[in-house]
Amino acid sequence: MLQTAENVAKRYEISKQRQDEYGVRSQQRAAAAQTAGRFDDEIVPITVLAGVADQATGRLSTREMTLAADEGIRPGTTLEGVPAFARRCRAASSRRATRVSSPMARRHAS
């Protein structure tokens, strides 16, 4: 997503600042709509078996959980918080790229 923002900035001359403002406004509006129940008729709860890692031991287990809301909405999004979020995304993307490009990762993925 970060690369897309750079491409949009160059190609359509829409500044990164303007894109960030739009994104924050979008997250805030989605959070308000979710709080007001506007998505309730659009979301169908689904029960899944989820993998869970114990924080203390790292042991993996599974548990049943029901997802009943869009978990991608970030109600606390602020314009001031966008740079920190972008740094976390870049770091996570870098870790994924390292795992995918690693010969060990490729061997275990097949």
N, C-alpha and C. Protein backbone atom coordinates (compact mmCIF):
# COMPACT_ATOMS: atom_id res chain seq x y z
N MET A 1 0.81 -1.19 0.00
CA MET A 1 0.00 0.00 0.00
C MET A 1 0.86 1.26 0.00
N LEU A 2 1.97 1.20 0.68
CA LEU A 2 2.80 2.39 0.75
C LEU A 2 3.36 2.74 -0.63
N GLN A 3 3.73 1.72 -1.40
CA GLN A 3 4.23 1.98 -2.75
C GLN A 3 3.12 2.55 -3.62
N THR A 4 1.90 2.08 -3.43
CA THR A 4 0.77 2.61 -4.19
C THR A 4 0.59 4.09 -3.92
N ALA A 5 0.72 4.49 -2.65
CA ALA A 5 0.59 5.91 -2.31
C ALA A 5 1.64 6.74 -3.02
N GLU A 6 2.86 6.21 -3.10
CA GLU A 6 3.92 6.94 -3.81
C GLU A 6 3.58 7.05 -5.30
N ASN A 7 3.06 5.97 -5.87
CA ASN A 7 2.70 5.99 -7.30
C ASN A 7 1.58 6.99 -7.57
N VAL A 8 0.57 7.00 -6.71
CA VAL A 8 -0.55 7.94 -6.87
C VAL A 8 -0.04 9.38 -6.76
N ALA A 9 0.84 9.61 -5.81
CA ALA A 9 1.39 10.95 -5.63
C ALA A 9 2.09 11.43 -6.90
N LYS A 10 2.88 10.57 -7.50
CA LYS A 10 3.60 10.94 -8.72
C LYS A 10 2.67 11.05 -9.93
N ARG A 11 1.90 10.01 -10.14
CA ARG A 11 1.10 9.92 -11.37
C ARG A 11 -0.03 10.95 -11.43
N TYR A 12 -0.72 11.14 -10.31
CA TYR A 12 -1.90 12.01 -10.31
C TYR A 12 -1.68 13.32 -9.57
N GLU A 13 -0.46 13.53 -9.12
CA GLU A 13 -0.10 14.75 -8.39
C GLU A 13 -1.01 14.99 -7.19
N ILE A 14 -1.26 13.91 -6.47
CA ILE A 14 -2.02 14.00 -5.21
C ILE A 14 -1.01 13.78 -4.10
N SER A 15 -0.82 14.81 -3.30
CA SER A 15 0.23 14.74 -2.29
C SER A 15 -0.03 13.63 -1.28
N LYS A 16 1.06 13.16 -0.68
CA LYS A 16 0.96 12.13 0.36
C LYS A 16 0.13 12.68 1.52
N GLN A 17 0.30 13.94 1.85
CA GLN A 17 -0.47 14.58 2.93
C GLN A 17 -1.97 14.50 2.64
N ARG A 18 -2.35 14.82 1.42
CA ARG A 18 -3.77 14.77 1.05
C ARG A 18 -4.31 13.34 1.10
N GLN A 19 -3.50 12.39 0.66
CA GLN A 19 -3.90 10.98 0.74
C GLN A 19 -4.06 10.54 2.19
N ASP A 20 -3.14 10.95 3.04
CA ASP A 20 -3.22 10.61 4.47
C ASP A 20 -4.48 11.20 5.10
N GLU A 21 -4.77 12.46 4.77
CA GLU A 21 -5.98 13.10 5.32
C GLU A 21 -7.23 12.35 4.89
N TYR A 22 -7.28 11.94 3.64
CA TYR A 22 -8.42 11.18 3.12
C TYR A 22 -8.54 9.84 3.84
N GLY A 23 -7.42 9.15 4.01
CA GLY A 23 -7.42 7.86 4.68
C GLY A 23 -7.87 7.95 6.13
N VAL A 24 -7.41 8.97 6.84
CA VAL A 24 -7.82 9.17 8.23
C VAL A 24 -9.31 9.46 8.29
N ARG A 25 -9.78 10.34 7.44
CA ARG A 25 -11.20 10.68 7.42
C ARG A 25 -12.04 9.43 7.11
N SER A 26 -11.57 8.60 6.20
CA SER A 26 -12.27 7.38 5.84
C SER A 26 -12.35 6.42 7.03
N GLN A 27 -11.24 6.24 7.75
CA GLN A 27 -11.24 5.37 8.92
C GLN A 27 -12.17 5.91 10.01
N GLN A 28 -12.15 7.21 10.22
CA GLN A 28 -13.01 7.81 11.25
C GLN A 28 -14.49 7.66 10.89
N ARG A 29 -14.82 7.86 9.62
CA ARG A 29 -16.21 7.70 9.18
C ARG A 29 -16.66 6.24 9.30
N ALA A 30 -15.78 5.32 8.92
CA ALA A 30 -16.13 3.89 9.03
C ALA A 30 -16.33 3.51 10.50
N ALA A 31 -15.49 4.03 11.39
CA ALA A 31 -15.64 3.73 12.82
C ALA A 31 -16.96 4.27 13.36
N ALA A 32 -17.30 5.48 12.95
CA ALA A 32 -18.58 6.07 13.40
C ALA A 32 -19.76 5.26 12.88
N ALA A 33 -19.69 4.82 11.63
CA ALA A 33 -20.76 4.01 11.06
C ALA A 33 -20.87 2.67 11.77
N GLN A 34 -19.73 2.07 12.10
CA GLN A 34 -19.73 0.80 12.81
C GLN A 34 -20.35 0.96 14.20
N THR A 35 -19.95 2.01 14.90
CA THR A 35 -20.49 2.28 16.24
C THR A 35 -22.00 2.51 16.19
N ALA A 36 -22.46 3.17 15.13
CA ALA A 36 -23.90 3.46 14.98
C ALA A 36 -24.69 2.25 14.49
N GLY A 37 -23.99 1.14 14.21
CA GLY A 37 -24.68 -0.06 13.77
C GLY A 37 -25.04 -0.09 12.30
N ARG A 38 -24.44 0.79 11.53
CA ARG A 38 -24.81 0.88 10.11
C ARG A 38 -24.34 -0.32 9.29
N PHE A 39 -23.40 -1.09 9.79
CA PHE A 39 -22.92 -2.26 9.06
C PHE A 39 -23.58 -3.55 9.54
N ASP A 40 -24.39 -3.46 10.57
CA ASP A 40 -24.96 -4.66 11.18
C ASP A 40 -25.70 -5.55 10.19
N ASP A 41 -26.42 -4.98 9.25
CA ASP A 41 -27.16 -5.77 8.28
C ASP A 41 -26.27 -6.26 7.13
N GLU A 42 -25.04 -5.80 7.10
CA GLU A 42 -24.13 -6.16 6.01
C GLU A 42 -23.15 -7.27 6.40
N ILE A 43 -22.97 -7.48 7.70
CA ILE A 43 -21.99 -8.44 8.19
C ILE A 43 -22.70 -9.69 8.68
N VAL A 44 -22.26 -10.83 8.19
CA VAL A 44 -22.81 -12.11 8.63
C VAL A 44 -21.76 -12.73 9.54
N PRO A 45 -22.09 -12.94 10.81
CA PRO A 45 -21.11 -13.56 11.72
C PRO A 45 -20.69 -14.94 11.22
N ILE A 46 -19.42 -15.24 11.41
CA ILE A 46 -18.89 -16.54 11.00
C ILE A 46 -18.04 -17.09 12.13
N THR A 47 -18.23 -18.36 12.43
CA THR A 47 -17.45 -19.02 13.47
C THR A 47 -16.34 -19.81 12.79
N VAL A 48 -15.12 -19.60 13.29
CA VAL A 48 -13.94 -20.24 12.69
C VAL A 48 -13.08 -20.87 13.78
N LEU A 49 -12.21 -21.75 13.38
CA LEU A 49 -11.21 -22.31 14.27
C LEU A 49 -9.94 -21.50 14.03
N ALA A 50 -9.50 -20.78 15.05
CA ALA A 50 -8.37 -19.86 14.89
C ALA A 50 -7.14 -20.39 15.60
N GLY A 51 -5.98 -20.14 14.99
CA GLY A 51 -4.72 -20.47 15.63
C GLY A 51 -4.35 -19.38 16.61
N VAL A 52 -3.91 -19.78 17.80
CA VAL A 52 -3.57 -18.82 18.85
C VAL A 52 -2.20 -19.19 19.41
N ALA A 53 -1.33 -18.19 19.55
CA ALA A 53 -0.01 -18.41 20.15
C ALA A 53 -0.02 -17.90 21.57
N ASP A 54 0.42 -18.72 22.50
CA ASP A 54 0.55 -18.31 23.91
C ASP A 54 1.70 -17.31 23.99
N GLN A 55 1.44 -16.13 24.51
CA GLN A 55 2.45 -15.07 24.55
C GLN A 55 3.66 -15.47 25.40
N ALA A 56 3.44 -16.20 26.46
CA ALA A 56 4.54 -16.56 27.37
C ALA A 56 5.40 -17.69 26.83
N THR A 57 4.76 -18.72 26.29
CA THR A 57 5.51 -19.91 25.88
C THR A 57 5.71 -20.01 24.37
N GLY A 58 4.89 -19.32 23.61
CA GLY A 58 4.96 -19.42 22.16
C GLY A 58 4.24 -20.65 21.63
N ARG A 59 3.65 -21.42 22.53
CA ARG A 59 2.95 -22.64 22.14
C ARG A 59 1.71 -22.29 21.31
N LEU A 60 1.52 -23.05 20.25
CA LEU A 60 0.37 -22.82 19.37
C LEU A 60 -0.77 -23.75 19.75
N SER A 61 -1.96 -23.19 19.72
CA SER A 61 -3.17 -23.98 19.96
C SER A 61 -4.28 -23.41 19.08
N THR A 62 -5.43 -24.04 19.12
CA THR A 62 -6.55 -23.53 18.35
C THR A 62 -7.72 -23.30 19.29
N ARG A 63 -8.57 -22.37 18.89
CA ARG A 63 -9.80 -22.13 19.63
C ARG A 63 -10.85 -21.61 18.67
N GLU A 64 -12.09 -21.89 19.01
CA GLU A 64 -13.20 -21.45 18.19
C GLU A 64 -13.50 -19.99 18.53
N MET A 65 -13.73 -19.20 17.50
CA MET A 65 -14.11 -17.81 17.73
C MET A 65 -15.08 -17.37 16.66
N THR A 66 -15.92 -16.42 17.02
CA THR A 66 -16.90 -15.89 16.08
C THR A 66 -16.52 -14.47 15.71
N LEU A 67 -16.42 -14.23 14.43
CA LEU A 67 -16.13 -12.90 13.91
C LEU A 67 -17.46 -12.29 13.50
N ALA A 68 -17.78 -11.13 14.08
CA ALA A 68 -19.08 -10.52 13.83
C ALA A 68 -18.97 -9.05 13.42
N ALA A 69 -17.75 -8.59 13.19
CA ALA A 69 -17.55 -7.19 12.81
C ALA A 69 -16.32 -7.09 11.92
N ASP A 70 -16.24 -6.04 11.16
CA ASP A 70 -15.07 -5.76 10.34
C ASP A 70 -13.93 -5.40 11.28
N GLU A 71 -12.89 -6.20 11.29
CA GLU A 71 -11.77 -5.94 12.19
C GLU A 71 -10.72 -5.01 11.58
N GLY A 72 -10.92 -4.60 10.33
CA GLY A 72 -9.95 -3.74 9.67
C GLY A 72 -10.14 -2.26 9.95
N ILE A 73 -11.25 -1.91 10.58
CA ILE A 73 -11.50 -0.50 10.90
C ILE A 73 -10.67 -0.12 12.11
N ARG A 74 -9.98 1.01 12.02
CA ARG A 74 -9.11 1.48 13.10
C ARG A 74 -9.71 2.77 13.67
N PRO A 75 -10.54 2.64 14.71
CA PRO A 75 -11.24 3.82 15.23
C PRO A 75 -10.34 4.91 15.80
N GLY A 76 -9.16 4.56 16.24
CA GLY A 76 -8.27 5.55 16.84
C GLY A 76 -7.34 6.23 15.84
N THR A 77 -7.60 6.09 14.56
CA THR A 77 -6.71 6.64 13.54
C THR A 77 -6.68 8.17 13.60
N THR A 78 -5.47 8.71 13.62
CA THR A 78 -5.28 10.17 13.59
C THR A 78 -4.22 10.50 12.54
N LEU A 79 -4.24 11.70 12.07
CA LEU A 79 -3.24 12.14 11.10
C LEU A 79 -1.84 12.07 11.72
N GLU A 80 -1.75 12.36 13.01
CA GLU A 80 -0.45 12.32 13.69
C GLU A 80 0.08 10.90 13.80
N GLY A 81 -0.81 9.92 13.82
CA GLY A 81 -0.40 8.53 13.96
C GLY A 81 -0.03 7.84 12.65
N VAL A 82 -0.30 8.48 11.53
CA VAL A 82 -0.05 7.85 10.22
C VAL A 82 1.43 7.53 10.02
N PRO A 83 2.38 8.41 10.32
CA PRO A 83 3.79 8.06 10.10
C PRO A 83 4.23 6.82 10.89
N ALA A 84 3.79 6.69 12.12
CA ALA A 84 4.16 5.52 12.93
C ALA A 84 3.55 4.26 12.34
N PHE A 85 2.31 4.35 11.87
CA PHE A 85 1.65 3.21 11.24
C PHE A 85 2.41 2.81 9.98
N ALA A 86 2.82 3.78 9.18
CA ALA A 86 3.56 3.50 7.95
C ALA A 86 4.88 2.81 8.26
N ARG A 87 5.56 3.24 9.33
CA ARG A 87 6.82 2.59 9.73
C ARG A 87 6.57 1.13 10.10
N ARG A 88 5.49 0.86 10.87
CA ARG A 88 5.18 -0.52 11.25
C ARG A 88 4.86 -1.36 10.02
N CYS A 89 4.14 -0.78 9.06
CA CYS A 89 3.82 -1.52 7.83
C CYS A 89 5.08 -1.84 7.04
N ARG A 90 5.99 -0.86 6.95
CA ARG A 90 7.24 -1.10 6.22
C ARG A 90 8.05 -2.20 6.90
N ALA A 91 8.11 -2.17 8.23
CA ALA A 91 8.86 -3.18 8.97
C ALA A 91 8.24 -4.56 8.77
N ALA A 92 6.92 -4.65 8.86
CA ALA A 92 6.24 -5.93 8.67
C ALA A 92 6.44 -6.43 7.25
N SER A 93 6.37 -5.54 6.29
CA SER A 93 6.57 -5.91 4.88
C SER A 93 7.98 -6.43 4.67
N SER A 94 8.94 -5.78 5.30
CA SER A 94 10.33 -6.19 5.18
C SER A 94 10.54 -7.58 5.79
N ARG A 95 9.91 -7.83 6.94
CA ARG A 95 10.03 -9.16 7.57
C ARG A 95 9.41 -10.23 6.68
N ARG A 96 8.24 -9.94 6.07
CA ARG A 96 7.61 -10.92 5.18
C ARG A 96 8.50 -11.18 3.97
N ALA A 97 9.05 -10.14 3.40
CA ALA A 97 9.90 -10.30 2.22
C ALA A 97 11.13 -11.13 2.56
N THR A 98 11.68 -10.93 3.74
CA THR A 98 12.84 -11.70 4.17
C THR A 98 12.48 -13.17 4.30
N ARG A 99 11.33 -13.45 4.91
CA ARG A 99 10.91 -14.85 5.08
C ARG A 99 10.65 -15.50 3.73
N VAL A 100 10.00 -14.78 2.83
CA VAL A 100 9.66 -15.35 1.53
C VAL A 100 10.90 -15.58 0.69
N SER A 101 11.89 -14.68 0.80
CA SER A 101 13.09 -14.82 -0.02
C SER A 101 14.09 -15.79 0.58
N SER A 102 13.89 -16.17 1.82
CA SER A 102 14.80 -17.09 2.49
C SER A 102 14.67 -18.50 1.91
N PRO A 103 15.80 -19.15 1.58
CA PRO A 103 15.74 -20.53 1.08
C PRO A 103 15.04 -21.46 2.07
N MET A 104 15.25 -21.25 3.37
CA MET A 104 14.58 -22.08 4.38
C MET A 104 13.07 -21.90 4.31
N ALA A 105 12.63 -20.65 4.15
CA ALA A 105 11.19 -20.38 4.08
C ALA A 105 10.60 -21.05 2.86
N ARG A 106 11.30 -20.98 1.74
CA ARG A 106 10.78 -21.60 0.52
C ARG A 106 10.73 -23.12 0.67
N ARG A 107 11.72 -23.69 1.33
CA ARG A 107 11.76 -25.14 1.51
C ARG A 107 10.58 -25.60 2.38
N HIS A 108 10.27 -24.85 3.45
CA HIS A 108 9.20 -25.23 4.35
C HIS A 108 7.83 -24.88 3.79
N ALA A 109 7.76 -23.99 2.84
CA ALA A 109 6.47 -23.60 2.26
C ALA A 109 5.98 -24.62 1.25
N SER A 110 6.88 -25.42 0.70
CA SER A 110 6.44 -26.37 -0.32
C SER A 110 6.00 -27.69 0.24
